[in-house]
């Protein structure tokens, strides 16, 4: 079974003034529900919630990958789609390529679309 690393911005690192319909508690609950659904669907997934500081993010991702091989990384929309996180996104992608040669990537648009993203690229997804 493919080992999956699910990377997303930690709910405490988000500027909610840009998302008036969202707050930390709601986003945290959605993330936890998404992870539970991923595991219930049979995926071997590890959550890696990151902050916004690229240096700290690099340490966090290195620690997550150090636990074993990673076949697929799902990188959440909060990392990819916010202009202020462009450098962060680049660092994460380049770090994962260096740490896990042959890794595949998938991208969701919300916690609720994670399973669809995983099924598109997980080598052994059904």
N, C-alpha and C. Protein backbone atom coordinates (compact mmCIF):
# COMPACT_ATOMS: atom_id res chain seq x y z
N UNK A 1 0.84 -1.19 0.00
CA UNK A 1 0.00 0.00 0.00
C UNK A 1 0.89 1.24 0.00
N UNK A 2 0.50 2.22 -0.77
CA UNK A 2 1.25 3.47 -0.87
C UNK A 2 1.21 4.23 0.46
N UNK A 3 2.34 4.76 0.84
CA UNK A 3 2.43 5.63 2.02
C UNK A 3 2.17 7.06 1.56
N UNK A 4 1.22 7.71 2.21
CA UNK A 4 0.79 9.05 1.80
C UNK A 4 1.09 10.06 2.89
N UNK A 5 1.65 11.18 2.49
CA UNK A 5 1.88 12.30 3.39
C UNK A 5 0.93 13.42 2.98
N UNK A 6 0.06 13.80 3.89
CA UNK A 6 -0.93 14.85 3.61
C UNK A 6 -0.47 16.13 4.28
N UNK A 7 -0.09 17.12 3.46
CA UNK A 7 0.48 18.37 3.96
C UNK A 7 -0.54 19.49 3.82
N UNK A 8 -0.75 20.20 4.91
CA UNK A 8 -1.68 21.33 4.89
C UNK A 8 -1.26 22.39 5.88
N UNK A 9 -1.75 23.58 5.66
CA UNK A 9 -1.49 24.68 6.59
C UNK A 9 -2.25 24.41 7.89
N UNK A 10 -1.57 24.54 9.00
CA UNK A 10 -2.22 24.37 10.29
C UNK A 10 -3.29 25.44 10.45
N UNK A 11 -4.46 25.08 10.95
CA UNK A 11 -5.53 26.08 11.11
C UNK A 11 -5.13 27.32 11.91
N UNK A 12 -4.16 27.19 12.79
CA UNK A 12 -3.73 28.35 13.59
C UNK A 12 -2.85 29.31 12.79
N UNK A 13 -2.41 28.90 11.58
CA UNK A 13 -1.51 29.73 10.77
C UNK A 13 -2.24 30.48 9.66
N UNK A 14 -3.56 30.46 9.69
CA UNK A 14 -4.35 31.08 8.61
C UNK A 14 -4.87 32.44 9.04
N UNK A 15 -4.85 33.37 8.11
CA UNK A 15 -5.43 34.70 8.32
C UNK A 15 -6.91 34.62 7.98
N UNK A 16 -7.74 34.49 8.98
CA UNK A 16 -9.18 34.30 8.75
C UNK A 16 -9.89 35.57 8.29
N UNK A 17 -9.22 36.69 8.33
CA UNK A 17 -9.84 37.91 7.79
C UNK A 17 -10.03 37.78 6.28
N UNK A 18 -9.24 36.90 5.67
CA UNK A 18 -9.37 36.64 4.23
C UNK A 18 -10.46 35.61 3.93
N UNK A 19 -10.97 34.98 4.98
CA UNK A 19 -11.98 33.92 4.85
C UNK A 19 -13.08 34.16 5.88
N UNK A 20 -13.93 35.15 5.67
CA UNK A 20 -14.92 35.52 6.69
C UNK A 20 -15.93 34.41 7.01
N UNK A 21 -16.09 33.43 6.14
CA UNK A 21 -17.03 32.35 6.38
C UNK A 21 -16.40 31.16 7.09
N UNK A 22 -15.17 31.34 7.57
CA UNK A 22 -14.42 30.24 8.16
C UNK A 22 -13.76 30.69 9.45
N UNK A 23 -13.59 29.78 10.39
CA UNK A 23 -12.80 30.07 11.59
C UNK A 23 -11.97 28.83 11.93
N UNK A 24 -11.08 28.98 12.88
CA UNK A 24 -10.14 27.91 13.20
C UNK A 24 -10.84 26.63 13.65
N UNK A 25 -11.88 26.76 14.46
CA UNK A 25 -12.58 25.57 14.95
C UNK A 25 -13.25 24.81 13.81
N UNK A 26 -13.90 25.53 12.92
CA UNK A 26 -14.58 24.89 11.79
C UNK A 26 -13.56 24.21 10.88
N UNK A 27 -12.48 24.91 10.55
CA UNK A 27 -11.47 24.32 9.68
C UNK A 27 -10.81 23.11 10.33
N UNK A 28 -10.51 23.20 11.61
CA UNK A 28 -9.91 22.06 12.32
C UNK A 28 -10.82 20.84 12.25
N UNK A 29 -12.10 21.04 12.45
CA UNK A 29 -13.06 19.93 12.39
C UNK A 29 -13.11 19.34 10.98
N UNK A 30 -13.11 20.18 9.96
CA UNK A 30 -13.14 19.70 8.57
C UNK A 30 -11.89 18.89 8.25
N UNK A 31 -10.75 19.36 8.72
CA UNK A 31 -9.49 18.64 8.48
C UNK A 31 -9.52 17.27 9.16
N UNK A 32 -9.96 17.22 10.39
CA UNK A 32 -10.03 15.95 11.12
C UNK A 32 -11.01 15.00 10.47
N UNK A 33 -12.16 15.50 10.02
CA UNK A 33 -13.13 14.66 9.32
C UNK A 33 -12.54 14.13 8.02
N UNK A 34 -11.81 14.98 7.32
CA UNK A 34 -11.18 14.55 6.07
C UNK A 34 -10.16 13.45 6.30
N UNK A 35 -9.33 13.60 7.33
CA UNK A 35 -8.33 12.58 7.64
C UNK A 35 -9.00 11.27 8.04
N UNK A 36 -10.06 11.35 8.84
CA UNK A 36 -10.79 10.14 9.23
C UNK A 36 -11.37 9.44 8.00
N UNK A 37 -11.91 10.20 7.07
CA UNK A 37 -12.48 9.63 5.85
C UNK A 37 -11.39 8.96 5.00
N UNK A 38 -10.22 9.59 4.93
CA UNK A 38 -9.10 9.03 4.17
C UNK A 38 -8.70 7.68 4.76
N UNK A 39 -8.57 7.63 6.05
CA UNK A 39 -8.17 6.38 6.70
C UNK A 39 -9.28 5.33 6.58
N UNK A 40 -10.53 5.75 6.71
CA UNK A 40 -11.65 4.81 6.56
C UNK A 40 -11.71 4.25 5.14
N UNK A 41 -11.24 5.02 4.17
CA UNK A 41 -11.21 4.56 2.77
C UNK A 41 -10.05 3.60 2.52
N UNK A 42 -9.22 3.36 3.55
CA UNK A 42 -8.16 2.37 3.43
C UNK A 42 -6.79 2.91 3.07
N UNK A 43 -6.63 4.22 3.05
CA UNK A 43 -5.33 4.79 2.71
C UNK A 43 -4.42 4.82 3.94
N UNK A 44 -3.13 4.59 3.71
CA UNK A 44 -2.11 4.71 4.76
C UNK A 44 -1.58 6.13 4.72
N UNK A 45 -2.22 7.01 5.48
CA UNK A 45 -1.91 8.44 5.39
C UNK A 45 -1.46 9.01 6.72
N UNK A 46 -0.51 9.92 6.62
CA UNK A 46 -0.02 10.66 7.78
C UNK A 46 -0.27 12.14 7.53
N UNK A 47 -0.78 12.80 8.55
CA UNK A 47 -1.03 14.24 8.46
C UNK A 47 0.25 15.00 8.81
N UNK A 48 0.49 16.06 8.07
CA UNK A 48 1.63 16.93 8.34
C UNK A 48 1.13 18.37 8.24
N UNK A 49 0.69 18.92 9.37
CA UNK A 49 0.20 20.29 9.38
C UNK A 49 1.38 21.22 9.62
N UNK A 50 1.47 22.24 8.76
CA UNK A 50 2.63 23.14 8.77
C UNK A 50 2.21 24.57 9.05
N UNK A 51 3.16 25.35 9.51
CA UNK A 51 2.96 26.78 9.70
C UNK A 51 3.34 27.53 8.44
N UNK A 52 3.62 28.80 8.59
CA UNK A 52 3.92 29.63 7.42
C UNK A 52 5.40 29.97 7.28
N UNK A 53 6.22 29.65 8.27
CA UNK A 53 7.65 29.95 8.21
C UNK A 53 8.38 28.86 7.43
N UNK A 54 8.96 29.19 6.28
CA UNK A 54 9.61 28.16 5.44
C UNK A 54 10.68 27.35 6.16
N UNK A 55 11.45 27.97 7.04
CA UNK A 55 12.51 27.22 7.75
C UNK A 55 11.89 26.18 8.68
N UNK A 56 10.86 26.56 9.41
CA UNK A 56 10.19 25.62 10.31
C UNK A 56 9.47 24.53 9.53
N UNK A 57 8.88 24.92 8.40
CA UNK A 57 8.18 23.95 7.56
C UNK A 57 9.15 22.89 7.07
N UNK A 58 10.33 23.30 6.67
CA UNK A 58 11.32 22.33 6.20
C UNK A 58 11.64 21.32 7.29
N UNK A 59 11.81 21.76 8.52
CA UNK A 59 12.08 20.85 9.62
C UNK A 59 10.92 19.89 9.84
N UNK A 60 9.70 20.41 9.78
CA UNK A 60 8.51 19.60 9.99
C UNK A 60 8.37 18.53 8.92
N UNK A 61 8.57 18.91 7.67
CA UNK A 61 8.44 17.95 6.56
C UNK A 61 9.56 16.92 6.62
N UNK A 62 10.77 17.35 6.92
CA UNK A 62 11.88 16.39 7.05
C UNK A 62 11.56 15.35 8.13
N UNK A 63 11.04 15.80 9.24
CA UNK A 63 10.70 14.88 10.33
C UNK A 63 9.61 13.90 9.90
N UNK A 64 8.64 14.37 9.16
CA UNK A 64 7.55 13.50 8.70
C UNK A 64 8.06 12.45 7.72
N UNK A 65 8.95 12.83 6.85
CA UNK A 65 9.48 11.89 5.85
C UNK A 65 10.50 10.94 6.48
N UNK A 66 11.15 11.36 7.53
CA UNK A 66 12.17 10.53 8.18
C UNK A 66 11.59 9.24 8.74
N UNK A 67 10.29 9.21 8.96
CA UNK A 67 9.65 8.02 9.51
C UNK A 67 9.53 6.86 8.54
N UNK A 68 9.89 7.04 7.30
CA UNK A 68 9.81 5.96 6.31
C UNK A 68 9.57 6.52 4.92
N UNK A 69 9.46 5.63 3.97
CA UNK A 69 9.28 6.08 2.59
C UNK A 69 7.90 6.71 2.40
N UNK A 70 7.86 7.66 1.49
CA UNK A 70 6.60 8.32 1.14
C UNK A 70 6.44 8.17 -0.37
N UNK A 71 5.30 7.64 -0.78
CA UNK A 71 5.03 7.41 -2.19
C UNK A 71 4.25 8.54 -2.85
N UNK A 72 3.39 9.18 -2.06
CA UNK A 72 2.50 10.20 -2.58
C UNK A 72 2.35 11.32 -1.56
N UNK A 73 2.42 12.55 -2.03
CA UNK A 73 2.18 13.70 -1.16
C UNK A 73 0.95 14.42 -1.66
N UNK A 74 -0.01 14.64 -0.78
CA UNK A 74 -1.18 15.43 -1.07
C UNK A 74 -0.94 16.79 -0.43
N UNK A 75 -0.90 17.82 -1.24
CA UNK A 75 -0.63 19.16 -0.72
C UNK A 75 -1.90 19.98 -0.84
N UNK A 76 -2.35 20.47 0.29
CA UNK A 76 -3.63 21.17 0.38
C UNK A 76 -3.64 22.54 -0.27
N UNK A 77 -4.84 23.00 -0.54
CA UNK A 77 -5.05 24.28 -1.19
C UNK A 77 -4.51 25.46 -0.41
N UNK A 78 -4.51 25.39 0.91
CA UNK A 78 -3.98 26.49 1.70
C UNK A 78 -2.50 26.73 1.47
N UNK A 79 -1.78 25.68 1.11
CA UNK A 79 -0.35 25.79 0.80
C UNK A 79 -0.17 26.32 -0.62
N UNK A 80 -0.95 25.78 -1.55
CA UNK A 80 -0.75 26.06 -2.98
C UNK A 80 -1.44 27.32 -3.49
N UNK A 81 -2.60 27.60 -2.97
CA UNK A 81 -3.45 28.59 -3.62
C UNK A 81 -3.35 30.01 -3.05
N UNK A 82 -2.73 30.16 -1.91
CA UNK A 82 -2.58 31.49 -1.31
C UNK A 82 -1.27 32.10 -1.81
N UNK A 83 -1.37 33.24 -2.44
CA UNK A 83 -0.18 33.89 -3.02
C UNK A 83 0.93 34.08 -1.99
N UNK A 84 0.56 34.35 -0.76
CA UNK A 84 1.57 34.58 0.27
C UNK A 84 2.34 33.31 0.63
N UNK A 85 1.88 32.16 0.17
CA UNK A 85 2.56 30.90 0.46
C UNK A 85 3.28 30.31 -0.74
N UNK A 86 3.52 31.11 -1.78
CA UNK A 86 4.20 30.60 -2.97
C UNK A 86 5.58 30.05 -2.63
N UNK A 87 6.39 30.79 -1.89
CA UNK A 87 7.71 30.31 -1.49
C UNK A 87 7.60 29.03 -0.67
N UNK A 88 6.66 28.99 0.22
CA UNK A 88 6.43 27.81 1.05
C UNK A 88 6.11 26.60 0.17
N UNK A 89 5.24 26.77 -0.79
CA UNK A 89 4.85 25.69 -1.70
C UNK A 89 6.06 25.19 -2.48
N UNK A 90 6.85 26.11 -3.01
CA UNK A 90 8.06 25.72 -3.74
C UNK A 90 9.01 24.94 -2.86
N UNK A 91 9.21 25.41 -1.64
CA UNK A 91 10.13 24.72 -0.72
C UNK A 91 9.65 23.31 -0.41
N UNK A 92 8.35 23.17 -0.18
CA UNK A 92 7.80 21.85 0.14
C UNK A 92 7.99 20.90 -1.04
N UNK A 93 7.64 21.34 -2.24
CA UNK A 93 7.77 20.49 -3.43
C UNK A 93 9.23 20.08 -3.63
N UNK A 94 10.13 21.04 -3.63
CA UNK A 94 11.54 20.74 -3.89
C UNK A 94 12.14 19.86 -2.80
N UNK A 95 11.75 20.07 -1.57
CA UNK A 95 12.24 19.24 -0.47
C UNK A 95 11.75 17.80 -0.63
N UNK A 96 10.48 17.63 -0.94
CA UNK A 96 9.95 16.28 -1.09
C UNK A 96 10.59 15.55 -2.26
N UNK A 97 10.85 16.23 -3.36
CA UNK A 97 11.52 15.61 -4.50
C UNK A 97 12.91 15.13 -4.09
N UNK A 98 13.60 15.93 -3.29
CA UNK A 98 14.95 15.55 -2.84
C UNK A 98 14.92 14.40 -1.83
N UNK A 99 13.93 14.40 -0.94
CA UNK A 99 13.87 13.40 0.12
C UNK A 99 13.26 12.08 -0.33
N UNK A 100 12.39 12.12 -1.32
CA UNK A 100 11.65 10.92 -1.74
C UNK A 100 11.64 10.82 -3.26
N UNK A 101 12.76 10.45 -3.86
CA UNK A 101 12.81 10.32 -5.32
C UNK A 101 11.67 9.44 -5.84
N UNK A 102 11.04 9.87 -6.90
CA UNK A 102 9.93 9.12 -7.48
C UNK A 102 8.58 9.43 -6.87
N UNK A 103 8.55 10.33 -5.90
CA UNK A 103 7.29 10.68 -5.25
C UNK A 103 6.31 11.24 -6.27
N UNK A 104 5.05 10.97 -6.04
CA UNK A 104 3.97 11.55 -6.84
C UNK A 104 3.28 12.61 -5.99
N UNK A 105 2.60 13.53 -6.66
CA UNK A 105 1.90 14.60 -5.97
C UNK A 105 0.44 14.62 -6.41
N UNK A 106 -0.43 14.99 -5.48
CA UNK A 106 -1.82 15.25 -5.81
C UNK A 106 -2.26 16.47 -5.00
N UNK A 107 -3.34 17.06 -5.45
CA UNK A 107 -3.79 18.32 -4.85
C UNK A 107 -5.30 18.30 -4.67
N UNK A 108 -5.73 18.71 -3.49
CA UNK A 108 -7.16 18.84 -3.25
C UNK A 108 -7.55 20.32 -3.32
N UNK A 109 -8.84 20.57 -3.27
CA UNK A 109 -9.32 21.95 -3.23
C UNK A 109 -9.95 22.26 -1.88
N UNK A 110 -10.20 21.22 -1.08
CA UNK A 110 -10.74 21.37 0.27
C UNK A 110 -10.52 20.04 0.98
N UNK A 111 -10.69 20.01 2.30
CA UNK A 111 -10.54 18.73 2.98
C UNK A 111 -11.51 17.66 2.44
N UNK A 112 -12.63 18.10 1.94
CA UNK A 112 -13.63 17.17 1.45
C UNK A 112 -13.28 16.55 0.10
N UNK A 113 -12.32 17.10 -0.63
CA UNK A 113 -11.95 16.55 -1.94
C UNK A 113 -10.64 15.74 -1.89
N UNK A 114 -10.16 15.48 -0.70
CA UNK A 114 -8.89 14.78 -0.55
C UNK A 114 -8.93 13.35 -1.09
N UNK A 115 -9.98 12.61 -0.80
CA UNK A 115 -10.04 11.22 -1.26
C UNK A 115 -10.01 11.17 -2.78
N UNK A 116 -10.73 12.05 -3.45
CA UNK A 116 -10.70 12.07 -4.91
C UNK A 116 -9.29 12.33 -5.43
N UNK A 117 -8.59 13.28 -4.80
CA UNK A 117 -7.21 13.58 -5.21
C UNK A 117 -6.30 12.37 -5.01
N UNK A 118 -6.44 11.70 -3.89
CA UNK A 118 -5.62 10.52 -3.62
C UNK A 118 -5.91 9.41 -4.62
N UNK A 119 -7.15 9.20 -4.94
CA UNK A 119 -7.51 8.12 -5.87
C UNK A 119 -6.95 8.38 -7.27
N UNK A 120 -6.77 9.64 -7.62
CA UNK A 120 -6.22 9.95 -8.94
C UNK A 120 -4.77 9.48 -9.06
N UNK A 121 -4.00 9.51 -7.96
CA UNK A 121 -2.56 9.30 -8.08
C UNK A 121 -1.97 8.22 -7.19
N UNK A 122 -2.68 7.70 -6.23
CA UNK A 122 -2.12 6.64 -5.40
C UNK A 122 -1.91 5.40 -6.26
N UNK A 123 -0.71 4.84 -6.25
CA UNK A 123 -0.40 3.70 -7.11
C UNK A 123 -1.32 2.51 -6.93
N UNK A 124 -1.83 2.29 -5.73
CA UNK A 124 -2.65 1.11 -5.49
C UNK A 124 -4.09 1.47 -5.10
N UNK A 125 -4.53 2.67 -5.47
CA UNK A 125 -5.90 3.08 -5.16
C UNK A 125 -6.89 2.35 -6.06
N UNK A 126 -8.05 2.11 -5.50
CA UNK A 126 -9.08 1.45 -6.30
C UNK A 126 -10.11 2.43 -6.79
